[in-house]
Amino acid sequence: MIPVPAGVRVWLAAGVTDMRRGMNSLALQVQQNLGRDPHAGDVFAFRGRRGDLIKILWHDGLGFSPYAKRLERGRFLWPQSGSNLMGRPMVSSRSHRHSSVTCSKGLIGGTRREPGVR
């Protein structure tokens, strides 16, 4: 879980992102493609081509905090480039004792099993 305060907006970079990118180039992508300030405290999530890896970038007020999650099986559900979710903030909500990041289609950490994937 990422300890994100309530009310923080979560932005999904729709489509595919080059997962070789580091913090600085992901922050530049936030500025250029989403037109947002990466230092504003919002959470920005990016997905790789295969769909089994996401990177999350968050400025916590002191500096950037990068997070990465790789699935051993299944894929992250993600909007395609050009969809109406691109550039739209997803909502952040609290879940019982822990804070969790959610979006309109479900938990970002939620996965879907692909046919033939064990």
PDB file of N, CA and C in Angstrom:
ATOM      1  N   MET A   1       0.825  -1.180   0.000  1.00  0.00           N
ATOM      2  CA  MET A   1       0.000   0.000   0.000  1.00  0.00           C
ATOM      3  C   MET A   1       0.871   1.246   0.000  1.00  0.00           C
ATOM      4  N   ILE A   2       0.421   2.235  -0.720  1.00  0.00           N
ATOM      5  CA  ILE A   2       1.093   3.526  -0.735  1.00  0.00           C
ATOM      6  C   ILE A   2       0.369   4.423   0.267  1.00  0.00           C
ATOM      7  N   PRO A   3       1.085   5.015   1.206  1.00  0.00           N
ATOM      8  CA  PRO A   3       0.432   5.829   2.236  1.00  0.00           C
ATOM      9  C   PRO A   3       0.018   7.199   1.702  1.00  0.00           C
ATOM     10  N   VAL A   4      -0.953   7.225   0.833  1.00  0.00           N
ATOM     11  CA  VAL A   4      -1.395   8.457   0.189  1.00  0.00           C
ATOM     12  C   VAL A   4      -2.470   9.122   1.048  1.00  0.00           C
ATOM     13  N   PRO A   5      -2.332  10.411   1.340  1.00  0.00           N
ATOM     14  CA  PRO A   5      -3.361  11.103   2.118  1.00  0.00           C
ATOM     15  C   PRO A   5      -4.695  11.136   1.365  1.00  0.00           C
ATOM     16  N   ALA A   6      -5.789  11.221   2.111  1.00  0.00           N
ATOM     17  CA  ALA A   6      -7.119  11.308   1.497  1.00  0.00           C
ATOM     18  C   ALA A   6      -7.202  12.571   0.654  1.00  0.00           C
ATOM     19  N   GLY A   7      -7.921  12.491  -0.451  1.00  0.00           N
ATOM     20  CA  GLY A   7      -8.124  13.644  -1.314  1.00  0.00           C
ATOM     21  C   GLY A   7      -7.073  13.833  -2.390  1.00  0.00           C
ATOM     22  N   VAL A   8      -6.033  13.011  -2.409  1.00  0.00           N
ATOM     23  CA  VAL A   8      -5.003  13.112  -3.440  1.00  0.00           C
ATOM     24  C   VAL A   8      -5.552  12.557  -4.743  1.00  0.00           C
ATOM     25  N   ARG A   9      -5.315  13.263  -5.838  1.00  0.00           N
ATOM     26  CA  ARG A   9      -5.782  12.779  -7.142  1.00  0.00           C
ATOM     27  C   ARG A   9      -4.775  11.811  -7.738  1.00  0.00           C
ATOM     28  N   VAL A  10      -5.307  10.786  -8.397  1.00  0.00           N
ATOM     29  CA  VAL A  10      -4.487   9.772  -9.054  1.00  0.00           C
ATOM     30  C   VAL A  10      -4.717   9.897 -10.547  1.00  0.00           C
ATOM     31  N   TRP A  11      -3.638  10.068 -11.299  1.00  0.00           N
ATOM     32  CA  TRP A  11      -3.714  10.226 -12.752  1.00  0.00           C
ATOM     33  C   TRP A  11      -3.116   8.991 -13.401  1.00  0.00           C
ATOM     34  N   LEU A  12      -3.855   8.404 -14.351  1.00  0.00           N
ATOM     35  CA  LEU A  12      -3.356   7.273 -15.125  1.00  0.00           C
ATOM     36  C   LEU A  12      -2.874   7.782 -16.475  1.00  0.00           C
ATOM     37  N   ALA A  13      -1.648   7.430 -16.833  1.00  0.00           N
ATOM     38  CA  ALA A  13      -1.138   7.741 -18.156  1.00  0.00           C
ATOM     39  C   ALA A  13      -1.663   6.652 -19.083  1.00  0.00           C
ATOM     40  N   ALA A  14      -2.736   6.939 -19.797  1.00  0.00           N
ATOM     41  CA  ALA A  14      -3.373   5.941 -20.661  1.00  0.00           C
ATOM     42  C   ALA A  14      -2.403   5.498 -21.748  1.00  0.00           C
ATOM     43  N   GLY A  15      -2.558   4.262 -22.171  1.00  0.00           N
ATOM     44  CA  GLY A  15      -1.680   3.717 -23.196  1.00  0.00           C
ATOM     45  C   GLY A  15      -0.444   3.094 -22.580  1.00  0.00           C
ATOM     46  N   VAL A  16       0.624   3.044 -23.351  1.00  0.00           N
ATOM     47  CA  VAL A  16       1.847   2.350 -22.965  1.00  0.00           C
ATOM     48  C   VAL A  16       2.952   3.359 -22.690  1.00  0.00           C
ATOM     49  N   THR A  17       3.725   3.097 -21.647  1.00  0.00           N
ATOM     50  CA  THR A  17       4.874   3.929 -21.286  1.00  0.00           C
ATOM     51  C   THR A  17       6.131   3.072 -21.342  1.00  0.00           C
ATOM     52  N   ASP A  18       7.228   3.650 -21.807  1.00  0.00           N
ATOM     53  CA  ASP A  18       8.517   2.975 -21.823  1.00  0.00           C
ATOM     54  C   ASP A  18       8.983   2.817 -20.373  1.00  0.00           C
ATOM     55  N   MET A  19       9.060   1.593 -19.889  1.00  0.00           N
ATOM     56  CA  MET A  19       9.390   1.346 -18.491  1.00  0.00           C
ATOM     57  C   MET A  19      10.869   1.527 -18.181  1.00  0.00           C
ATOM     58  N   ARG A  20      11.670   1.862 -19.179  1.00  0.00           N
ATOM     59  CA  ARG A  20      13.070   2.182 -18.914  1.00  0.00           C
ATOM     60  C   ARG A  20      13.216   3.592 -18.360  1.00  0.00           C
ATOM     61  N   ARG A  21      12.136   4.382 -18.429  1.00  0.00           N
ATOM     62  CA  ARG A  21      12.174   5.753 -17.943  1.00  0.00           C
ATOM     63  C   ARG A  21      12.350   5.794 -16.433  1.00  0.00           C
ATOM     64  N   GLY A  22      13.093   6.796 -15.996  1.00  0.00           N
ATOM     65  CA  GLY A  22      13.309   7.015 -14.567  1.00  0.00           C
ATOM     66  C   GLY A  22      12.392   8.115 -14.052  1.00  0.00           C
ATOM     67  N   MET A  23      12.651   8.559 -12.831  1.00  0.00           N
ATOM     68  CA  MET A  23      11.805   9.568 -12.201  1.00  0.00           C
ATOM     69  C   MET A  23      11.733  10.872 -12.988  1.00  0.00           C
ATOM     70  N   ASN A  24      12.869  11.355 -13.434  1.00  0.00           N
ATOM     71  CA  ASN A  24      12.891  12.648 -14.126  1.00  0.00           C
ATOM     72  C   ASN A  24      12.161  12.605 -15.463  1.00  0.00           C
ATOM     73  N   SER A  25      12.357  11.550 -16.227  1.00  0.00           N
ATOM     74  CA  SER A  25      11.681  11.494 -17.529  1.00  0.00           C
ATOM     75  C   SER A  25      10.184  11.202 -17.366  1.00  0.00           C
ATOM     76  N   LEU A  26       9.782  10.482 -16.316  1.00  0.00           N
ATOM     77  CA  LEU A  26       8.354  10.296 -16.052  1.00  0.00           C
ATOM     78  C   LEU A  26       7.724  11.625 -15.614  1.00  0.00           C
ATOM     79  N   ALA A  27       8.447  12.397 -14.820  1.00  0.00           N
ATOM     80  CA  ALA A  27       7.947  13.714 -14.405  1.00  0.00           C
ATOM     81  C   ALA A  27       7.806  14.633 -15.623  1.00  0.00           C
ATOM     82  N   LEU A  28       8.734  14.541 -16.554  1.00  0.00           N
ATOM     83  CA  LEU A  28       8.644  15.327 -17.788  1.00  0.00           C
ATOM     84  C   LEU A  28       7.434  14.886 -18.615  1.00  0.00           C
ATOM     85  N   GLN A  29       7.167  13.586 -18.661  1.00  0.00           N
ATOM     86  CA  GLN A  29       5.998  13.074 -19.375  1.00  0.00           C
ATOM     87  C   GLN A  29       4.708  13.605 -18.735  1.00  0.00           C
ATOM     88  N   VAL A  30       4.674  13.704 -17.421  1.00  0.00           N
ATOM     89  CA  VAL A  30       3.512  14.265 -16.727  1.00  0.00           C
ATOM     90  C   VAL A  30       3.284  15.704 -17.177  1.00  0.00           C
ATOM     91  N   GLN A  31       4.351  16.487 -17.239  1.00  0.00           N
ATOM     92  CA  GLN A  31       4.237  17.882 -17.652  1.00  0.00           C
ATOM     93  C   GLN A  31       3.811  18.011 -19.104  1.00  0.00           C
ATOM     94  N   GLN A  32       4.425  17.249 -19.988  1.00  0.00           N
ATOM     95  CA  GLN A  32       4.164  17.397 -21.421  1.00  0.00           C
ATOM     96  C   GLN A  32       2.851  16.772 -21.861  1.00  0.00           C
ATOM     97  N   ASN A  33       2.550  15.560 -21.409  1.00  0.00           N
ATOM     98  CA  ASN A  33       1.376  14.835 -21.907  1.00  0.00           C
ATOM     99  C   ASN A  33       0.106  15.121 -21.128  1.00  0.00           C
ATOM    100  N   LEU A  34       0.220  15.265 -19.807  1.00  0.00           N
ATOM    101  CA  LEU A  34      -0.964  15.516 -18.991  1.00  0.00           C
ATOM    102  C   LEU A  34      -1.149  16.998 -18.669  1.00  0.00           C
ATOM    103  N   GLY A  35      -0.098  17.794 -18.884  1.00  0.00           N
ATOM    104  CA  GLY A  35      -0.175  19.217 -18.575  1.00  0.00           C
ATOM    105  C   GLY A  35      -0.326  19.480 -17.084  1.00  0.00           C
ATOM    106  N   ARG A  36       0.201  18.593 -16.250  1.00  0.00           N
ATOM    107  CA  ARG A  36       0.097  18.715 -14.804  1.00  0.00           C
ATOM    108  C   ARG A  36       1.455  18.995 -14.190  1.00  0.00           C
ATOM    109  N   ASP A  37       1.451  19.518 -12.977  1.00  0.00           N
ATOM    110  CA  ASP A  37       2.681  19.758 -12.229  1.00  0.00           C
ATOM    111  C   ASP A  37       3.003  18.497 -11.424  1.00  0.00           C
ATOM    112  N   PRO A  38       4.114  17.816 -11.729  1.00  0.00           N
ATOM    113  CA  PRO A  38       4.425  16.581 -11.008  1.00  0.00           C
ATOM    114  C   PRO A  38       4.792  16.816  -9.542  1.00  0.00           C
ATOM    115  N   HIS A  39       5.054  18.061  -9.162  1.00  0.00           N
ATOM    116  CA  HIS A  39       5.425  18.390  -7.784  1.00  0.00           C
ATOM    117  C   HIS A  39       4.223  18.787  -6.928  1.00  0.00           C
ATOM    118  N   ALA A  40       3.002  18.708  -7.470  1.00  0.00           N
ATOM    119  CA  ALA A  40       1.807  19.202  -6.791  1.00  0.00           C
ATOM    120  C   ALA A  40       1.254  18.231  -5.747  1.00  0.00           C
ATOM    121  N   GLY A  41       1.791  17.020  -5.660  1.00  0.00           N
ATOM    122  CA  GLY A  41       1.317  16.059  -4.673  1.00  0.00           C
ATOM    123  C   GLY A  41       0.353  15.025  -5.221  1.00  0.00           C
ATOM    124  N   ASP A  42       0.010  15.114  -6.511  1.00  0.00           N
ATOM    125  CA  ASP A  42      -0.839  14.101  -7.133  1.00  0.00           C
ATOM    126  C   ASP A  42      -0.020  12.836  -7.388  1.00  0.00           C
ATOM    127  N   VAL A  43      -0.712  11.713  -7.566  1.00  0.00           N
ATOM    128  CA  VAL A  43      -0.068  10.434  -7.864  1.00  0.00           C
ATOM    129  C   VAL A  43      -0.241  10.172  -9.361  1.00  0.00           C
ATOM    130  N   PHE A  44       0.837   9.757 -10.027  1.00  0.00           N
ATOM    131  CA  PHE A  44       0.807   9.483 -11.465  1.00  0.00           C
ATOM    132  C   PHE A  44       1.237   8.040 -11.689  1.00  0.00           C
ATOM    133  N   ALA A  45       0.425   7.288 -12.430  1.00  0.00           N
ATOM    134  CA  ALA A  45       0.694   5.871 -12.665  1.00  0.00           C
ATOM    135  C   ALA A  45       0.905   5.616 -14.154  1.00  0.00           C
ATOM    136  N   PHE A  46       1.874   4.750 -14.463  1.00  0.00           N
ATOM    137  CA  PHE A  46       2.254   4.419 -15.838  1.00  0.00           C
ATOM    138  C   PHE A  46       2.325   2.904 -15.970  1.00  0.00           C
ATOM    139  N   ARG A  47       1.900   2.376 -17.126  1.00  0.00           N
ATOM    140  CA  ARG A  47       1.928   0.931 -17.366  1.00  0.00           C
ATOM    141  C   ARG A  47       2.824   0.604 -18.551  1.00  0.00           C
ATOM    142  N   GLY A  48       3.535  -0.500 -18.450  1.00  0.00           N
ATOM    143  CA  GLY A  48       4.395  -0.958 -19.534  1.00  0.00           C
ATOM    144  C   GLY A  48       3.619  -1.685 -20.618  1.00  0.00           C
ATOM    145  N   ARG A  49       4.296  -2.005 -21.709  1.00  0.00           N
ATOM    146  CA  ARG A  49       3.669  -2.632 -22.873  1.00  0.00           C
ATOM    147  C   ARG A  49       3.061  -3.999 -22.558  1.00  0.00           C
ATOM    148  N   ARG A  50       3.768  -4.826 -21.798  1.00  0.00           N
ATOM    149  CA  ARG A  50       3.252  -6.164 -21.495  1.00  0.00           C
ATOM    150  C   ARG A  50       2.106  -6.133 -20.499  1.00  0.00           C
ATOM    151  N   GLY A  51       1.989  -5.069 -19.752  1.00  0.00           N
ATOM    152  CA  GLY A  51       0.890  -4.935 -18.807  1.00  0.00           C
ATOM    153  C   GLY A  51       1.136  -5.545 -17.450  1.00  0.00           C
ATOM    154  N   ASP A  52       2.313  -6.131 -17.240  1.00  0.00           N
ATOM    155  CA  ASP A  52       2.590  -6.747 -15.942  1.00  0.00           C
ATOM    156  C   ASP A  52       3.390  -5.837 -15.014  1.00  0.00           C
ATOM    157  N   LEU A  53       3.725  -4.635 -15.467  1.00  0.00           N
ATOM    158  CA  LEU A  53       4.527  -3.703 -14.676  1.00  0.00           C
ATOM    159  C   LEU A  53       3.884  -2.324 -14.690  1.00  0.00           C
ATOM    160  N   ILE A  54       3.770  -1.726 -13.515  1.00  0.00           N
ATOM    161  CA  ILE A  54       3.383  -0.317 -13.438  1.00  0.00           C
ATOM    162  C   ILE A  54       4.420   0.415 -12.605  1.00  0.00           C
ATOM    163  N   LYS A  55       4.591   1.692 -12.915  1.00  0.00           N
ATOM    164  CA  LYS A  55       5.416   2.584 -12.111  1.00  0.00           C
ATOM    165  C   LYS A  55       4.526   3.715 -11.640  1.00  0.00           C
ATOM    166  N   ILE A  56       4.701   4.076 -10.393  1.00  0.00           N
ATOM    167  CA  ILE A  56       3.911   5.140  -9.791  1.00  0.00           C
ATOM    168  C   ILE A  56       4.869   6.213  -9.304  1.00  0.00           C
ATOM    169  N   LEU A  57       4.553   7.454  -9.619  1.00  0.00           N
ATOM    170  CA  LEU A  57       5.381   8.593  -9.246  1.00  0.00           C
ATOM    171  C   LEU A  57       4.558   9.509  -8.356  1.00  0.00           C
ATOM    172  N   TRP A  58       5.119   9.864  -7.203  1.00  0.00           N
ATOM    173  CA  TRP A  58       4.408  10.718  -6.259  1.00  0.00           C
ATOM    174  C   TRP A  58       5.400  11.651  -5.586  1.00  0.00           C
ATOM    175  N   HIS A  59       5.088  12.927  -5.565  1.00  0.00           N
ATOM    176  CA  HIS A  59       5.903  13.897  -4.835  1.00  0.00           C
ATOM    177  C   HIS A  59       5.241  14.106  -3.490  1.00  0.00           C
ATOM    178  N   ASP A  60       5.902  13.701  -2.419  1.00  0.00           N
ATOM    179  CA  ASP A  60       5.302  13.729  -1.083  1.00  0.00           C
ATOM    180  C   ASP A  60       5.546  15.029  -0.327  1.00  0.00           C
ATOM    181  N   GLY A  61       6.069  16.032  -1.003  1.00  0.00           N
ATOM    182  CA  GLY A  61       6.366  17.304  -0.355  1.00  0.00           C
ATOM    183  C   GLY A  61       7.845  17.464  -0.054  1.00  0.00           C
ATOM    184  N   LEU A  62       8.554  16.344   0.056  1.00  0.00           N
ATOM    185  CA  LEU A  62       9.995  16.373   0.297  1.00  0.00           C
ATOM    186  C   LEU A  62      10.786  16.006  -0.940  1.00  0.00           C
ATOM    187  N   GLY A  63      10.201  15.194  -1.783  1.00  0.00           N
ATOM    188  CA  GLY A  63      10.855  14.725  -2.999  1.00  0.00           C
ATOM    189  C   GLY A  63      10.005  13.661  -3.667  1.00  0.00           C
ATOM    190  N   PHE A  64      10.473  13.193  -4.822  1.00  0.00           N
ATOM    191  CA  PHE A  64       9.742  12.166  -5.549  1.00  0.00           C
ATOM    192  C   PHE A  64       9.892  10.814  -4.868  1.00  0.00           C
ATOM    193  N   SER A  65       8.809  10.083  -4.837  1.00  0.00           N
ATOM    194  CA  SER A  65       8.803   8.709  -4.344  1.00  0.00           C
ATOM    195  C   SER A  65       8.377   7.818  -5.499  1.00  0.00           C
ATOM    196  N   PRO A  66       9.311   7.050  -6.054  1.00  0.00           N
ATOM    197  CA  PRO A  66       8.933   6.130  -7.137  1.00  0.00           C
ATOM    198  C   PRO A  66       8.532   4.772  -6.567  1.00  0.00           C
ATOM    199  N   TYR A  67       7.514   4.187  -7.154  1.00  0.00           N
ATOM    200  CA  TYR A  67       7.063   2.855  -6.779  1.00  0.00           C
ATOM    201  C   TYR A  67       6.942   2.033  -8.051  1.00  0.00           C
ATOM    202  N   ALA A  68       7.227   0.743  -7.929  1.00  0.00           N
ATOM    203  CA  ALA A  68       7.060  -0.164  -9.066  1.00  0.00           C
ATOM    204  C   ALA A  68       6.391  -1.437  -8.565  1.00  0.00           C
ATOM    205  N   LYS A  69       5.534  -1.991  -9.404  1.00  0.00           N
ATOM    206  CA  LYS A  69       4.858  -3.246  -9.075  1.00  0.00           C
ATOM    207  C   LYS A  69       4.862  -4.126 -10.313  1.00  0.00           C
ATOM    208  N   ARG A  70       5.420  -5.330 -10.178  1.00  0.00           N
ATOM    209  CA  ARG A  70       5.436  -6.294 -11.281  1.00  0.00           C
ATOM    210  C   ARG A  70       4.618  -7.509 -10.852  1.00  0.00           C
ATOM    211  N   LEU A  71       3.727  -7.935 -11.722  1.00  0.00           N
ATOM    212  CA  LEU A  71       2.906  -9.111 -11.459  1.00  0.00           C
ATOM    213  C   LEU A  71       3.591 -10.362 -11.988  1.00  0.00           C
ATOM    214  N   GLU A  72       3.500 -11.441 -11.245  1.00  0.00           N
ATOM    215  CA  GLU A  72       4.044 -12.709 -11.716  1.00  0.00           C
ATOM    216  C   GLU A  72       3.118 -13.358 -12.724  1.00  0.00           C
ATOM    217  N   ARG A  73       1.810 -13.087 -12.600  1.00  0.00           N
ATOM    218  CA  ARG A  73       0.844 -13.574 -13.586  1.00  0.00           C
ATOM    219  C   ARG A  73      -0.299 -12.570 -13.663  1.00  0.00           C
ATOM    220  N   GLY A  74      -0.951 -12.546 -14.800  1.00  0.00           N
ATOM    221  CA  GLY A  74      -2.026 -11.587 -15.023  1.00  0.00           C
ATOM    222  C   GLY A  74      -1.494 -10.242 -15.489  1.00  0.00           C
ATOM    223  N   ARG A  75      -2.398  -9.307 -15.688  1.00  0.00           N
ATOM    224  CA  ARG A  75      -2.041  -7.970 -16.171  1.00  0.00           C
ATOM    225  C   ARG A  75      -2.859  -6.920 -15.451  1.00  0.00           C
ATOM    226  N   PHE A  76      -2.330  -5.723 -15.407  1.00  0.00           N
ATOM    227  CA  PHE A  76      -3.072  -4.600 -14.870  1.00  0.00           C
ATOM    228  C   PHE A  76      -4.078  -4.130 -15.908  1.00  0.00           C
ATOM    229  N   LEU A  77      -5.298  -3.867 -15.470  1.00  0.00           N
ATOM    230  CA  LEU A  77      -6.307  -3.293 -16.357  1.00  0.00           C
ATOM    231  C   LEU A  77      -5.962  -1.828 -16.541  1.00  0.00           C
ATOM    232  N   TRP A  78      -6.012  -1.336 -17.778  1.00  0.00           N
ATOM    233  CA  TRP A  78      -5.537   0.008 -18.064  1.00  0.00           C
ATOM    234  C   TRP A  78      -6.296   0.608 -19.233  1.00  0.00           C
ATOM    235  N   PRO A  79      -6.599   1.890 -19.196  1.00  0.00           N
ATOM    236  CA  PRO A  79      -7.255   2.534 -20.345  1.00  0.00           C
ATOM    237  C   PRO A  79      -6.287   2.663 -21.513  1.00  0.00           C
ATOM    238  N   GLN A  80      -6.820   2.563 -22.721  1.00  0.00           N
ATOM    239  CA  GLN A  80      -6.003   2.713 -23.921  1.00  0.00           C
ATOM    240  C   GLN A  80      -5.762   4.181 -24.217  1.00  0.00           C
ATOM    241  N   SER A  81      -4.721   4.461 -24.957  1.00  0.00           N
ATOM    242  CA  SER A  81      -4.422   5.832 -25.361  1.00  0.00           C
ATOM    243  C   SER A  81      -5.574   6.366 -26.203  1.00  0.00           C
ATOM    244  N   GLY A  82      -5.965   7.605 -25.951  1.00  0.00           N
ATOM    245  CA  GLY A  82      -7.063   8.212 -26.686  1.00  0.00           C
ATOM    246  C   GLY A  82      -8.417   7.976 -26.055  1.00  0.00           C
ATOM    247  N   SER A  83      -8.467   7.196 -24.962  1.00  0.00           N
ATOM    248  CA  SER A  83      -9.751   6.950 -24.307  1.00  0.00           C
ATOM    249  C   SER A  83     -10.164   8.179 -23.512  1.00  0.00           C
ATOM    250  N   ASN A  84     -11.401   8.207 -23.075  1.00  0.00           N
ATOM    251  CA  ASN A  84     -11.873   9.378 -22.349  1.00  0.00           C
ATOM    252  C   ASN A  84     -11.333   9.443 -20.929  1.00  0.00           C
ATOM    253  N   LEU A  85     -10.554   8.451 -20.477  1.00  0.00           N
ATOM    254  CA  LEU A  85      -9.946   8.502 -19.157  1.00  0.00           C
ATOM    255  C   LEU A  85      -8.595   9.202 -19.177  1.00  0.00           C
ATOM    256  N   MET A  86      -8.023   9.406 -20.371  1.00  0.00           N
ATOM    257  CA  MET A  86      -6.709  10.030 -20.444  1.00  0.00           C
ATOM    258  C   MET A  86      -6.772  11.456 -19.922  1.00  0.00           C
ATOM    259  N   GLY A  87      -5.908  11.770 -18.998  1.00  0.00           N
ATOM    260  CA  GLY A  87      -5.858  13.105 -18.454  1.00  0.00           C
ATOM    261  C   GLY A  87      -6.941  13.385 -17.428  1.00  0.00           C
ATOM    262  N   ARG A  88      -7.655  12.362 -17.017  1.00  0.00           N
ATOM    263  CA  ARG A  88      -8.696  12.506 -16.003  1.00  0.00           C
ATOM    264  C   ARG A  88      -8.188  11.982 -14.681  1.00  0.00           C
ATOM    265  N   PRO A  89      -8.409  12.727 -13.612  1.00  0.00           N
ATOM    266  CA  PRO A  89      -7.964  12.195 -12.326  1.00  0.00           C
ATOM    267  C   PRO A  89      -8.891  11.087 -11.858  1.00  0.00           C
ATOM    268  N   MET A  90      -8.329  10.088 -11.250  1.00  0.00           N
ATOM    269  CA  MET A  90      -9.102   9.043 -10.611  1.00  0.00           C
ATOM    270  C   MET A  90      -9.253   9.455  -9.155  1.00  0.00           C
ATOM    271  N   VAL A  91     -10.196   8.919  -8.446  1.00  0.00           N
ATOM    272  CA  VAL A  91     -10.432   9.331  -7.072  1.00  0.00           C
ATOM    273  C   VAL A  91      -9.555   8.553  -6.103  1.00  0.00           C
ATOM    274  N   SER A  92      -9.276   9.163  -5.004  1.00  0.00           N
ATOM    275  CA  SER A  92      -8.535   8.504  -3.933  1.00  0.00           C
ATOM    276  C   SER A  92      -9.479   8.373  -2.748  1.00  0.00           C
ATOM    277  N   SER A  93      -9.470   7.220  -2.112  1.00  0.00           N
ATOM    278  CA  SER A  93     -10.364   7.035  -0.972  1.00  0.00           C
ATOM    279  C   SER A  93      -9.672   6.238   0.117  1.00  0.00           C
ATOM    280  N   ARG A  94     -10.214   6.310   1.310  1.00  0.00           N
ATOM    281  CA  ARG A  94      -9.674   5.538   2.434  1.00  0.00           C
ATOM    282  C   ARG A  94     -10.387   4.197   2.513  1.00  0.00           C
ATOM    283  N   SER A  95      -9.647   3.180   2.853  1.00  0.00           N
ATOM    284  CA  SER A  95     -10.209   1.841   2.988  1.00  0.00           C
ATOM    285  C   SER A  95      -9.851   1.314   4.374  1.00  0.00           C
ATOM    286  N   HIS A  96     -10.805   1.089   5.212  1.00  0.00           N
ATOM    287  CA  HIS A  96     -10.679   0.698   6.624  1.00  0.00           C
ATOM    288  C   HIS A  96      -9.472   1.336   7.282  1.00  0.00           C
ATOM    289  N   ARG A  97      -8.530   0.594   7.842  1.00  0.00           N
ATOM    290  CA  ARG A  97      -7.411   1.180   8.576  1.00  0.00           C
ATOM    291  C   ARG A  97      -6.347   1.770   7.669  1.00  0.00           C
ATOM    292  N   HIS A  98      -6.246   1.283   6.456  1.00  0.00           N
ATOM    293  CA  HIS A  98      -5.171   1.697   5.560  1.00  0.00           C
ATOM    294  C   HIS A  98      -5.714   2.564   4.439  1.00  0.00           C
ATOM    295  N   SER A  99      -4.848   3.421   3.919  1.00  0.00           N
ATOM    296  CA  SER A  99      -5.218   4.231   2.774  1.00  0.00           C
ATOM    297  C   SER A  99      -4.956   3.416   1.515  1.00  0.00           C
ATOM    298  N   SER A 100      -5.858   3.465   0.567  1.00  0.00           N
ATOM    299  CA  SER A 100      -5.631   2.758  -0.686  1.00  0.00           C
ATOM    300  C   SER A 100      -5.994   3.668  -1.846  1.00  0.00           C
ATOM    301  N   VAL A 101      -5.339   3.464  -2.944  1.00  0.00           N
ATOM    302  CA  VAL A 101      -5.589   4.257  -4.130  1.00  0.00           C
ATOM    303  C   VAL A 101      -6.572   3.495  -5.003  1.00  0.00           C
ATOM    304  N   THR A 102      -7.700   4.121  -5.329  1.00  0.00           N
ATOM    305  CA  THR A 102      -8.691   3.478  -6.170  1.00  0.00           C
ATOM    306  C   THR A 102      -8.980   4.344  -7.376  1.00  0.00           C
ATOM    307  N   CYS A 103      -9.534   3.744  -8.395  1.00  0.00           N
ATOM    308  CA  CYS A 103      -9.939   4.510  -9.568  1.00  0.00           C
ATOM    309  C   CYS A 103     -11.365   4.110  -9.917  1.00  0.00           C
ATOM    310  N   SER A 104     -11.923   4.763 -10.906  1.00  0.00           N
ATOM    311  CA  SER A 104     -13.332   4.529 -11.227  1.00  0.00           C
ATOM    312  C   SER A 104     -13.602   3.104 -11.698  1.00  0.00           C
ATOM    313  N   LYS A 105     -12.612   2.397 -12.155  1.00  0.00           N
ATOM    314  CA  LYS A 105     -12.790   1.021 -12.619  1.00  0.00           C
ATOM    315  C   LYS A 105     -12.343  -0.009 -11.587  1.00  0.00           C
ATOM    316  N   GLY A 106     -11.888   0.425 -10.405  1.00  0.00           N
ATOM    317  CA  GLY A 106     -11.478  -0.511  -9.367  1.00  0.00           C
ATOM    318  C   GLY A 106     -10.099  -0.201  -8.841  1.00  0.00           C
ATOM    319  N   LEU A 107      -9.581  -1.061  -8.006  1.00  0.00           N
ATOM    320  CA  LEU A 107      -8.288  -0.864  -7.388  1.00  0.00           C
ATOM    321  C   LEU A 107      -7.194  -0.898  -8.438  1.00  0.00           C
ATOM    322  N   ILE A 108      -6.256   0.045  -8.373  1.00  0.00           N
ATOM    323  CA  ILE A 108      -5.154   0.070  -9.327  1.00  0.00           C
ATOM    324  C   ILE A 108      -4.382  -1.242  -9.262  1.00  0.00           C
ATOM    325  N   GLY A 109      -4.225  -1.808  -8.079  1.00  0.00           N
ATOM    326  CA  GLY A 109      -3.508  -3.066  -7.936  1.00  0.00           C
ATOM    327  C   GLY A 109      -4.309  -4.259  -8.415  1.00  0.00           C
ATOM    328  N   GLY A 110      -5.550  -4.055  -8.814  1.00  0.00           N
ATOM    329  CA  GLY A 110      -6.389  -5.150  -9.289  1.00  0.00           C
ATOM    330  C   GLY A 110      -5.862  -5.739 -10.575  1.00  0.00           C
ATOM    331  N   THR A 111      -5.999  -7.008 -10.715  1.00  0.00           N
ATOM    332  CA  THR A 111      -5.480  -7.675 -11.903  1.00  0.00           C
ATOM    333  C   THR A 111      -6.558  -8.491 -12.569  1.00  0.00           C
ATOM    334  N   ARG A 112      -6.264  -8.876 -13.766  1.00  0.00           N
ATOM    335  CA  ARG A 112      -7.162  -9.718 -14.539  1.00  0.00           C
ATOM    336  C   ARG A 112      -6.333 -10.870 -15.072  1.00  0.00           C
ATOM    337  N   ARG A 113      -6.844 -12.056 -14.942  1.00  0.00           N
ATOM    338  CA  ARG A 113      -6.117 -13.218 -15.481  1.00  0.00           C
ATOM    339  C   ARG A 113      -6.389 -13.327 -16.965  1.00  0.00           C
ATOM    340  N   GLU A 114      -5.353 -13.477 -17.721  1.00  0.00           N
ATOM    341  CA  GLU A 114      -5.474 -13.666 -19.154  1.00  0.00           C
ATOM    342  C   GLU A 114      -5.642 -15.143 -19.449  1.00  0.00           C
ATOM    343  N   PRO A 115      -6.395 -15.489 -20.480  1.00  0.00           N
ATOM    344  CA  PRO A 115      -6.520 -16.896 -20.861  1.00  0.00           C
ATOM    345  C   PRO A 115      -5.146 -17.502 -21.148  1.00  0.00           C
ATOM    346  N   GLY A 116      -4.888 -18.661 -20.591  1.00  0.00           N
ATOM    347  CA  GLY A 116      -3.624 -19.338 -20.829  1.00  0.00           C
ATOM    348  C   GLY A 116      -2.505 -18.881 -19.927  1.00  0.00           C
ATOM    349  N   VAL A 117      -2.729 -17.875 -19.075  1.00  0.00           N
ATOM    350  CA  VAL A 117      -1.696 -17.403 -18.143  1.00  0.00           C
ATOM    351  C   VAL A 117      -1.912 -18.081 -16.810  1.00  0.00           C
ATOM    352  N   ARG A 118      -0.880 -18.686 -16.257  1.00  0.00           N
ATOM    353  CA  ARG A 118      -1.002 -19.398 -14.992  1.00  0.00           C
ATOM    354  C   ARG A 118      -0.770 -18.498 -13.838  1.00  0.00           C
TER     355      ARG A 118
END
